[in-house]
Amino acid sequence: MKGDVDFSPILNGSDNLGINHYHLNNYGKFATLFGKINDLIKSAPAKAKDGRVWYNNSDAMYDHFDTAFYYNISVGKWDKPYVKIA
């Protein structure tokens, strides 16, 4: 919840923001950072002993949801704001 990155350009006066991992290009100069975080979330579990590869075989057209796991990316949380440290 703390870091040296100034997210104020995307926070727009708020102290937290949920990141839409399907549209990372909407976050300007932070798109690459969030892309790397997204890739890490999906690849790290497979590197653990007996870990599994992330997959998404969902098909919303048929209301069929089959994914390895769901996840969220956010800057801060509703009850714990992001704090920029020097």
PDB file of N, CA and C in Angstrom:
ATOM      1  N   MET A   1       0.803  -1.198   0.000  1.00  0.00           N
ATOM      2  CA  MET A   1       0.000   0.000   0.000  1.00  0.00           C
ATOM      3  C   MET A   1       0.848   1.264   0.000  1.00  0.00           C
ATOM      4  N   LYS A   2       2.178   1.072  -0.026  1.00  0.00           N
ATOM      5  CA  LYS A   2       3.100   2.202  -0.065  1.00  0.00           C
ATOM      6  C   LYS A   2       4.119   1.973  -1.162  1.00  0.00           C
ATOM      7  N   GLY A   3       4.601   3.058  -1.730  1.00  0.00           N
ATOM      8  CA  GLY A   3       5.638   2.932  -2.734  1.00  0.00           C
ATOM      9  C   GLY A   3       6.135   4.283  -3.175  1.00  0.00           C
ATOM     10  N   ASP A   4       7.181   4.267  -3.991  1.00  0.00           N
ATOM     11  CA  ASP A   4       7.756   5.527  -4.445  1.00  0.00           C
ATOM     12  C   ASP A   4       7.211   5.965  -5.808  1.00  0.00           C
ATOM     13  N   VAL A   5       6.238   5.264  -6.322  1.00  0.00           N
ATOM     14  CA  VAL A   5       5.625   5.620  -7.608  1.00  0.00           C
ATOM     15  C   VAL A   5       4.504   6.620  -7.360  1.00  0.00           C
ATOM     16  N   ASP A   6       4.504   7.690  -8.135  1.00  0.00           N
ATOM     17  CA  ASP A   6       3.460   8.708  -8.030  1.00  0.00           C
ATOM     18  C   ASP A   6       2.337   8.347  -9.005  1.00  0.00           C
ATOM     19  N   PHE A   7       1.259   7.768  -8.473  1.00  0.00           N
ATOM     20  CA  PHE A   7       0.119   7.361  -9.298  1.00  0.00           C
ATOM     21  C   PHE A   7      -0.928   8.473  -9.444  1.00  0.00           C
ATOM     22  N   SER A   8      -0.614   9.681  -8.978  1.00  0.00           N
ATOM     23  CA  SER A   8      -1.616  10.751  -9.004  1.00  0.00           C
ATOM     24  C   SER A   8      -2.214  11.019 -10.390  1.00  0.00           C
ATOM     25  N   PRO A   9      -1.469  10.843 -11.489  1.00  0.00           N
ATOM     26  CA  PRO A   9      -2.095  11.076 -12.801  1.00  0.00           C
ATOM     27  C   PRO A   9      -3.303  10.167 -13.093  1.00  0.00           C
ATOM     28  N   ILE A  10      -3.345   8.979 -12.497  1.00  0.00           N
ATOM     29  CA  ILE A  10      -4.486   8.091 -12.747  1.00  0.00           C
ATOM     30  C   ILE A  10      -5.445   8.022 -11.560  1.00  0.00           C
ATOM     31  N   LEU A  11      -5.001   8.484 -10.395  1.00  0.00           N
ATOM     32  CA  LEU A  11      -5.877   8.452  -9.227  1.00  0.00           C
ATOM     33  C   LEU A  11      -6.928   9.556  -9.259  1.00  0.00           C
ATOM     34  N   ASN A  12      -6.645  10.633  -9.986  1.00  0.00           N
ATOM     35  CA  ASN A  12      -7.609  11.730 -10.141  1.00  0.00           C
ATOM     36  C   ASN A  12      -8.193  12.201  -8.808  1.00  0.00           C
ATOM     37  N   GLY A  13      -7.313  12.440  -7.837  1.00  0.00           N
ATOM     38  CA  GLY A  13      -7.746  12.948  -6.547  1.00  0.00           C
ATOM     39  C   GLY A  13      -8.211  11.892  -5.565  1.00  0.00           C
ATOM     40  N   SER A  14      -8.315  10.657  -5.980  1.00  0.00           N
ATOM     41  CA  SER A  14      -8.724   9.571  -5.091  1.00  0.00           C
ATOM     42  C   SER A  14      -7.480   8.995  -4.411  1.00  0.00           C
ATOM     43  N   ASP A  15      -7.684   8.134  -3.428  1.00  0.00           N
ATOM     44  CA  ASP A  15      -6.535   7.498  -2.777  1.00  0.00           C
ATOM     45  C   ASP A  15      -6.460   6.006  -3.085  1.00  0.00           C
ATOM     46  N   ASN A  16      -7.326   5.536  -3.998  1.00  0.00           N
ATOM     47  CA  ASN A  16      -7.260   4.142  -4.430  1.00  0.00           C
ATOM     48  C   ASN A  16      -7.906   4.011  -5.804  1.00  0.00           C
ATOM     49  N   LEU A  17      -7.547   2.956  -6.505  1.00  0.00           N
ATOM     50  CA  LEU A  17      -8.083   2.737  -7.849  1.00  0.00           C
ATOM     51  C   LEU A  17      -7.983   1.268  -8.200  1.00  0.00           C
ATOM     52  N   GLY A  18      -9.074   0.685  -8.629  1.00  0.00           N
ATOM     53  CA  GLY A  18      -9.066  -0.675  -9.155  1.00  0.00           C
ATOM     54  C   GLY A  18      -8.584  -0.645 -10.593  1.00  0.00           C
ATOM     55  N   ILE A  19      -7.694  -1.534 -10.939  1.00  0.00           N
ATOM     56  CA  ILE A  19      -7.109  -1.582 -12.277  1.00  0.00           C
ATOM     57  C   ILE A  19      -7.810  -2.665 -13.089  1.00  0.00           C
ATOM     58  N   ASN A  20      -8.305  -2.298 -14.258  1.00  0.00           N
ATOM     59  CA  ASN A  20      -8.967  -3.248 -15.141  1.00  0.00           C
ATOM     60  C   ASN A  20      -7.886  -3.986 -15.938  1.00  0.00           C
ATOM     61  N   HIS A  21      -7.603  -5.235 -15.561  1.00  0.00           N
ATOM     62  CA  HIS A  21      -6.511  -5.962 -16.208  1.00  0.00           C
ATOM     63  C   HIS A  21      -6.823  -6.385 -17.637  1.00  0.00           C
ATOM     64  N   TYR A  22      -8.045  -6.146 -18.106  1.00  0.00           N
ATOM     65  CA  TYR A  22      -8.371  -6.415 -19.506  1.00  0.00           C
ATOM     66  C   TYR A  22      -8.056  -5.213 -20.392  1.00  0.00           C
ATOM     67  N   HIS A  23      -7.873  -4.041 -19.782  1.00  0.00           N
ATOM     68  CA  HIS A  23      -7.638  -2.807 -20.542  1.00  0.00           C
ATOM     69  C   HIS A  23      -6.476  -2.027 -19.942  1.00  0.00           C
ATOM     70  N   LEU A  24      -5.331  -2.651 -19.843  1.00  0.00           N
ATOM     71  CA  LEU A  24      -4.168  -2.023 -19.230  1.00  0.00           C
ATOM     72  C   LEU A  24      -3.666  -0.818 -20.016  1.00  0.00           C
ATOM     73  N   ASN A  25      -3.955  -0.779 -21.297  1.00  0.00           N
ATOM     74  CA  ASN A  25      -3.522   0.351 -22.115  1.00  0.00           C
ATOM     75  C   ASN A  25      -4.215   1.655 -21.727  1.00  0.00           C
ATOM     76  N   ASN A  26      -5.254   1.598 -20.897  1.00  0.00           N
ATOM     77  CA  ASN A  26      -5.961   2.808 -20.456  1.00  0.00           C
ATOM     78  C   ASN A  26      -5.215   3.566 -19.367  1.00  0.00           C
ATOM     79  N   TYR A  27      -4.077   3.059 -18.911  1.00  0.00           N
ATOM     80  CA  TYR A  27      -3.393   3.659 -17.774  1.00  0.00           C
ATOM     81  C   TYR A  27      -2.114   4.395 -18.153  1.00  0.00           C
ATOM     82  N   GLY A  28      -2.055   4.862 -19.406  1.00  0.00           N
ATOM     83  CA  GLY A  28      -0.970   5.724 -19.867  1.00  0.00           C
ATOM     84  C   GLY A  28       0.415   5.178 -19.567  1.00  0.00           C
ATOM     85  N   LYS A  29       1.230   6.005 -18.914  1.00  0.00           N
ATOM     86  CA  LYS A  29       2.625   5.627 -18.651  1.00  0.00           C
ATOM     87  C   LYS A  29       2.753   4.462 -17.685  1.00  0.00           C
ATOM     88  N   PHE A  30       1.656   4.075 -17.019  1.00  0.00           N
ATOM     89  CA  PHE A  30       1.690   2.959 -16.080  1.00  0.00           C
ATOM     90  C   PHE A  30       1.285   1.634 -16.731  1.00  0.00           C
ATOM     91  N   ALA A  31       0.923   1.669 -18.006  1.00  0.00           N
ATOM     92  CA  ALA A  31       0.461   0.460 -18.701  1.00  0.00           C
ATOM     93  C   ALA A  31       1.518  -0.642 -18.672  1.00  0.00           C
ATOM     94  N   THR A  32       2.774  -0.296 -18.898  1.00  0.00           N
ATOM     95  CA  THR A  32       3.843  -1.293 -18.895  1.00  0.00           C
ATOM     96  C   THR A  32       4.022  -1.891 -17.507  1.00  0.00           C
ATOM     97  N   LEU A  33       4.006  -1.060 -16.475  1.00  0.00           N
ATOM     98  CA  LEU A  33       4.136  -1.543 -15.099  1.00  0.00           C
ATOM     99  C   LEU A  33       3.008  -2.504 -14.757  1.00  0.00           C
ATOM    100  N   PHE A  34       1.770  -2.118 -15.046  1.00  0.00           N
ATOM    101  CA  PHE A  34       0.639  -2.985 -14.742  1.00  0.00           C
ATOM    102  C   PHE A  34       0.663  -4.248 -15.599  1.00  0.00           C
ATOM    103  N   GLY A  35       1.179  -4.155 -16.817  1.00  0.00           N
ATOM    104  CA  GLY A  35       1.329  -5.335 -17.668  1.00  0.00           C
ATOM    105  C   GLY A  35       2.296  -6.340 -17.068  1.00  0.00           C
ATOM    106  N   LYS A  36       3.410  -5.841 -16.519  1.00  0.00           N
ATOM    107  CA  LYS A  36       4.387  -6.733 -15.880  1.00  0.00           C
ATOM    108  C   LYS A  36       3.792  -7.372 -14.624  1.00  0.00           C
ATOM    109  N   ILE A  37       3.037  -6.583 -13.856  1.00  0.00           N
ATOM    110  CA  ILE A  37       2.381  -7.128 -12.661  1.00  0.00           C
ATOM    111  C   ILE A  37       1.383  -8.206 -13.070  1.00  0.00           C
ATOM    112  N   ASN A  38       0.610  -7.940 -14.094  1.00  0.00           N
ATOM    113  CA  ASN A  38      -0.381  -8.895 -14.597  1.00  0.00           C
ATOM    114  C   ASN A  38       0.299 -10.196 -15.036  1.00  0.00           C
ATOM    115  N   ASP A  39       1.401 -10.084 -15.773  1.00  0.00           N
ATOM    116  CA  ASP A  39       2.137 -11.265 -16.229  1.00  0.00           C
ATOM    117  C   ASP A  39       2.703 -12.058 -15.050  1.00  0.00           C
ATOM    118  N   LEU A  40       3.196 -11.360 -14.046  1.00  0.00           N
ATOM    119  CA  LEU A  40       3.741 -12.019 -12.862  1.00  0.00           C
ATOM    120  C   LEU A  40       2.667 -12.781 -12.107  1.00  0.00           C
ATOM    121  N   ILE A  41       1.510 -12.172 -11.947  1.00  0.00           N
ATOM    122  CA  ILE A  41       0.391 -12.838 -11.256  1.00  0.00           C
ATOM    123  C   ILE A  41       0.029 -14.142 -11.958  1.00  0.00           C
ATOM    124  N   LYS A  42       0.030 -14.126 -13.274  1.00  0.00           N
ATOM    125  CA  LYS A  42      -0.360 -15.318 -14.029  1.00  0.00           C
ATOM    126  C   LYS A  42       0.731 -16.379 -14.088  1.00  0.00           C
ATOM    127  N   SER A  43       2.003 -15.973 -14.061  1.00  0.00           N
ATOM    128  CA  SER A  43       3.084 -16.946 -14.262  1.00  0.00           C
ATOM    129  C   SER A  43       3.700 -17.479 -12.963  1.00  0.00           C
ATOM    130  N   ALA A  44       3.681 -16.718 -11.897  1.00  0.00           N
ATOM    131  CA  ALA A  44       4.360 -17.130 -10.653  1.00  0.00           C
ATOM    132  C   ALA A  44       3.816 -18.432 -10.062  1.00  0.00           C
ATOM    133  N   PRO A  45       2.505 -18.656 -10.002  1.00  0.00           N
ATOM    134  CA  PRO A  45       2.028 -19.904  -9.395  1.00  0.00           C
ATOM    135  C   PRO A  45       2.557 -21.163 -10.080  1.00  0.00           C
ATOM    136  N   ALA A  46       2.786 -21.113 -11.372  1.00  0.00           N
ATOM    137  CA  ALA A  46       3.279 -22.282 -12.105  1.00  0.00           C
ATOM    138  C   ALA A  46       4.722 -22.612 -11.746  1.00  0.00           C
ATOM    139  N   LYS A  47       5.451 -21.650 -11.195  1.00  0.00           N
ATOM    140  CA  LYS A  47       6.850 -21.866 -10.839  1.00  0.00           C
ATOM    141  C   LYS A  47       7.013 -22.515  -9.469  1.00  0.00           C
ATOM    142  N   ALA A  48       5.955 -22.528  -8.684  1.00  0.00           N
ATOM    143  CA  ALA A  48       6.001 -23.159  -7.360  1.00  0.00           C
ATOM    144  C   ALA A  48       5.908 -24.678  -7.514  1.00  0.00           C
ATOM    145  N   LYS A  49       6.398 -25.382  -6.522  1.00  0.00           N
ATOM    146  CA  LYS A  49       6.297 -26.837  -6.553  1.00  0.00           C
ATOM    147  C   LYS A  49       4.823 -27.234  -6.632  1.00  0.00           C
ATOM    148  N   ASP A  50       4.497 -28.090  -7.558  1.00  0.00           N
ATOM    149  CA  ASP A  50       3.124 -28.527  -7.813  1.00  0.00           C
ATOM    150  C   ASP A  50       2.206 -27.373  -8.201  1.00  0.00           C
ATOM    151  N   GLY A  51       2.790 -26.291  -8.657  1.00  0.00           N
ATOM    152  CA  GLY A  51       1.998 -25.139  -9.095  1.00  0.00           C
ATOM    153  C   GLY A  51       1.334 -25.404 -10.430  1.00  0.00           C
ATOM    154  N   ARG A  52       0.341 -24.608 -10.747  1.00  0.00           N
ATOM    155  CA  ARG A  52      -0.332 -24.779 -12.024  1.00  0.00           C
ATOM    156  C   ARG A  52      -0.249 -23.515 -12.870  1.00  0.00           C
ATOM    157  N   VAL A  53      -0.321 -23.723 -14.141  1.00  0.00           N
ATOM    158  CA  VAL A  53      -0.317 -22.630 -15.098  1.00  0.00           C
ATOM    159  C   VAL A  53      -1.684 -21.961 -15.076  1.00  0.00           C
ATOM    160  N   TRP A  54      -1.694 -20.637 -15.126  1.00  0.00           N
ATOM    161  CA  TRP A  54      -2.956 -19.910 -15.167  1.00  0.00           C
ATOM    162  C   TRP A  54      -3.613 -20.142 -16.525  1.00  0.00           C
ATOM    163  N   TYR A  55      -4.909 -20.318 -16.520  1.00  0.00           N
ATOM    164  CA  TYR A  55      -5.652 -20.497 -17.769  1.00  0.00           C
ATOM    165  C   TYR A  55      -7.012 -19.826 -17.630  1.00  0.00           C
ATOM    166  N   ASN A  56      -7.612 -19.555 -18.747  1.00  0.00           N
ATOM    167  CA  ASN A  56      -8.958 -19.002 -18.763  1.00  0.00           C
ATOM    168  C   ASN A  56      -9.698 -19.610 -19.946  1.00  0.00           C
ATOM    169  N   ASN A  57     -10.516 -20.594 -19.663  1.00  0.00           N
ATOM    170  CA  ASN A  57     -11.328 -21.243 -20.692  1.00  0.00           C
ATOM    171  C   ASN A  57     -12.784 -20.794 -20.619  1.00  0.00           C
ATOM    172  N   SER A  58     -12.997 -19.628 -20.063  1.00  0.00           N
ATOM    173  CA  SER A  58     -14.363 -19.115 -19.892  1.00  0.00           C
ATOM    174  C   SER A  58     -14.982 -18.751 -21.234  1.00  0.00           C
ATOM    175  N   ASP A  59     -16.284 -18.852 -21.277  1.00  0.00           N
ATOM    176  CA  ASP A  59     -17.042 -18.439 -22.449  1.00  0.00           C
ATOM    177  C   ASP A  59     -18.324 -17.780 -21.956  1.00  0.00           C
ATOM    178  N   ALA A  60     -18.289 -16.460 -21.843  1.00  0.00           N
ATOM    179  CA  ALA A  60     -19.426 -15.719 -21.299  1.00  0.00           C
ATOM    180  C   ALA A  60     -20.681 -15.884 -22.165  1.00  0.00           C
ATOM    181  N   MET A  61     -20.507 -16.174 -23.436  1.00  0.00           N
ATOM    182  CA  MET A  61     -21.654 -16.342 -24.321  1.00  0.00           C
ATOM    183  C   MET A  61     -22.535 -17.507 -23.853  1.00  0.00           C
ATOM    184  N   TYR A  62     -21.902 -18.509 -23.260  1.00  0.00           N
ATOM    185  CA  TYR A  62     -22.643 -19.676 -22.775  1.00  0.00           C
ATOM    186  C   TYR A  62     -22.704 -19.722 -21.252  1.00  0.00           C
ATOM    187  N   ASP A  63     -22.328 -18.610 -20.614  1.00  0.00           N
ATOM    188  CA  ASP A  63     -22.333 -18.520 -19.156  1.00  0.00           C
ATOM    189  C   ASP A  63     -21.496 -19.640 -18.538  1.00  0.00           C
ATOM    190  N   HIS A  64     -20.344 -19.881 -19.151  1.00  0.00           N
ATOM    191  CA  HIS A  64     -19.418 -20.919 -18.688  1.00  0.00           C
ATOM    192  C   HIS A  64     -18.134 -20.238 -18.230  1.00  0.00           C
ATOM    193  N   PHE A  65     -17.823 -20.367 -16.946  1.00  0.00           N
ATOM    194  CA  PHE A  65     -16.641 -19.726 -16.400  1.00  0.00           C
ATOM    195  C   PHE A  65     -15.697 -20.782 -15.846  1.00  0.00           C
ATOM    196  N   ASP A  66     -14.531 -20.874 -16.441  1.00  0.00           N
ATOM    197  CA  ASP A  66     -13.534 -21.868 -16.062  1.00  0.00           C
ATOM    198  C   ASP A  66     -12.164 -21.199 -16.128  1.00  0.00           C
ATOM    199  N   THR A  67     -11.651 -20.810 -14.980  1.00  0.00           N
ATOM    200  CA  THR A  67     -10.349 -20.175 -14.907  1.00  0.00           C
ATOM    201  C   THR A  67      -9.571 -20.745 -13.727  1.00  0.00           C
ATOM    202  N   ALA A  68      -8.253 -20.668 -13.803  1.00  0.00           N
ATOM    203  CA  ALA A  68      -7.416 -21.195 -12.723  1.00  0.00           C
ATOM    204  C   ALA A  68      -7.699 -20.457 -11.423  1.00  0.00           C
ATOM    205  N   PHE A  69      -7.810 -19.136 -11.497  1.00  0.00           N
ATOM    206  CA  PHE A  69      -8.139 -18.321 -10.335  1.00  0.00           C
ATOM    207  C   PHE A  69      -8.488 -16.917 -10.801  1.00  0.00           C
ATOM    208  N   TYR A  70      -9.219 -16.212  -9.971  1.00  0.00           N
ATOM    209  CA  TYR A  70      -9.573 -14.824 -10.230  1.00  0.00           C
ATOM    210  C   TYR A  70      -8.628 -13.939  -9.434  1.00  0.00           C
ATOM    211  N   TYR A  71      -8.365 -12.753  -9.925  1.00  0.00           N
ATOM    212  CA  TYR A  71      -7.479 -11.837  -9.219  1.00  0.00           C
ATOM    213  C   TYR A  71      -7.869 -10.394  -9.511  1.00  0.00           C
ATOM    214  N   ASN A  72      -7.395  -9.515  -8.659  1.00  0.00           N
ATOM    215  CA  ASN A  72      -7.617  -8.078  -8.806  1.00  0.00           C
ATOM    216  C   ASN A  72      -6.286  -7.371  -8.688  1.00  0.00           C
ATOM    217  N   ILE A  73      -6.145  -6.305  -9.438  1.00  0.00           N
ATOM    218  CA  ILE A  73      -4.993  -5.424  -9.321  1.00  0.00           C
ATOM    219  C   ILE A  73      -5.538  -4.072  -8.879  1.00  0.00           C
ATOM    220  N   SER A  74      -4.902  -3.476  -7.896  1.00  0.00           N
ATOM    221  CA  SER A  74      -5.371  -2.163  -7.447  1.00  0.00           C
ATOM    222  C   SER A  74      -4.205  -1.332  -6.938  1.00  0.00           C
ATOM    223  N   VAL A  75      -4.423  -0.037  -6.940  1.00  0.00           N
ATOM    224  CA  VAL A  75      -3.520   0.919  -6.310  1.00  0.00           C
ATOM    225  C   VAL A  75      -4.249   1.351  -5.051  1.00  0.00           C
ATOM    226  N   GLY A  76      -3.772   0.897  -3.899  1.00  0.00           N
ATOM    227  CA  GLY A  76      -4.493   1.142  -2.651  1.00  0.00           C
ATOM    228  C   GLY A  76      -5.739   0.275  -2.582  1.00  0.00           C
ATOM    229  N   LYS A  77      -6.454   0.399  -1.477  1.00  0.00           N
ATOM    230  CA  LYS A  77      -7.720  -0.303  -1.299  1.00  0.00           C
ATOM    231  C   LYS A  77      -8.721   0.670  -0.703  1.00  0.00           C
ATOM    232  N   TRP A  78      -9.969   0.323  -0.738  1.00  0.00           N
ATOM    233  CA  TRP A  78     -10.998   1.230  -0.228  1.00  0.00           C
ATOM    234  C   TRP A  78     -10.776   1.572   1.241  1.00  0.00           C
ATOM    235  N   ASP A  79     -10.210   0.634   2.007  1.00  0.00           N
ATOM    236  CA  ASP A  79     -10.016   0.869   3.430  1.00  0.00           C
ATOM    237  C   ASP A  79      -8.557   1.148   3.798  1.00  0.00           C
ATOM    238  N   LYS A  80      -7.664   1.139   2.800  1.00  0.00           N
ATOM    239  CA  LYS A  80      -6.253   1.417   3.054  1.00  0.00           C
ATOM    240  C   LYS A  80      -5.671   2.103   1.817  1.00  0.00           C
ATOM    241  N   PRO A  81      -5.626   3.422   1.840  1.00  0.00           N
ATOM    242  CA  PRO A  81      -5.193   4.161   0.653  1.00  0.00           C
ATOM    243  C   PRO A  81      -3.727   3.957   0.318  1.00  0.00           C
ATOM    244  N   TYR A  82      -3.420   4.151  -0.950  1.00  0.00           N
ATOM    245  CA  TYR A  82      -2.028   4.109  -1.403  1.00  0.00           C
ATOM    246  C   TYR A  82      -1.319   5.361  -0.880  1.00  0.00           C
ATOM    247  N   VAL A  83      -0.105   5.177  -0.360  1.00  0.00           N
ATOM    248  CA  VAL A  83       0.685   6.286   0.171  1.00  0.00           C
ATOM    249  C   VAL A  83       1.996   6.333  -0.583  1.00  0.00           C
ATOM    250  N   LYS A  84       2.271   7.488  -1.193  1.00  0.00           N
ATOM    251  CA  LYS A  84       3.550   7.671  -1.885  1.00  0.00           C
ATOM    252  C   LYS A  84       4.590   8.061  -0.845  1.00  0.00           C
ATOM    253  N   ILE A  85       5.696   7.294  -0.836  1.00  0.00           N
ATOM    254  CA  ILE A  85       6.782   7.615   0.078  1.00  0.00           C
ATOM    255  C   ILE A  85       7.923   8.260  -0.709  1.00  0.00           C
ATOM    256  N   ALA A  86       8.723   9.015  -0.032  1.00  0.00           N
ATOM    257  CA  ALA A  86       9.806   9.746  -0.704  1.00  0.00           C
ATOM    258  C   ALA A  86      10.847   8.851  -1.180  1.00  0.00           C
TER     259      ALA A  86
END
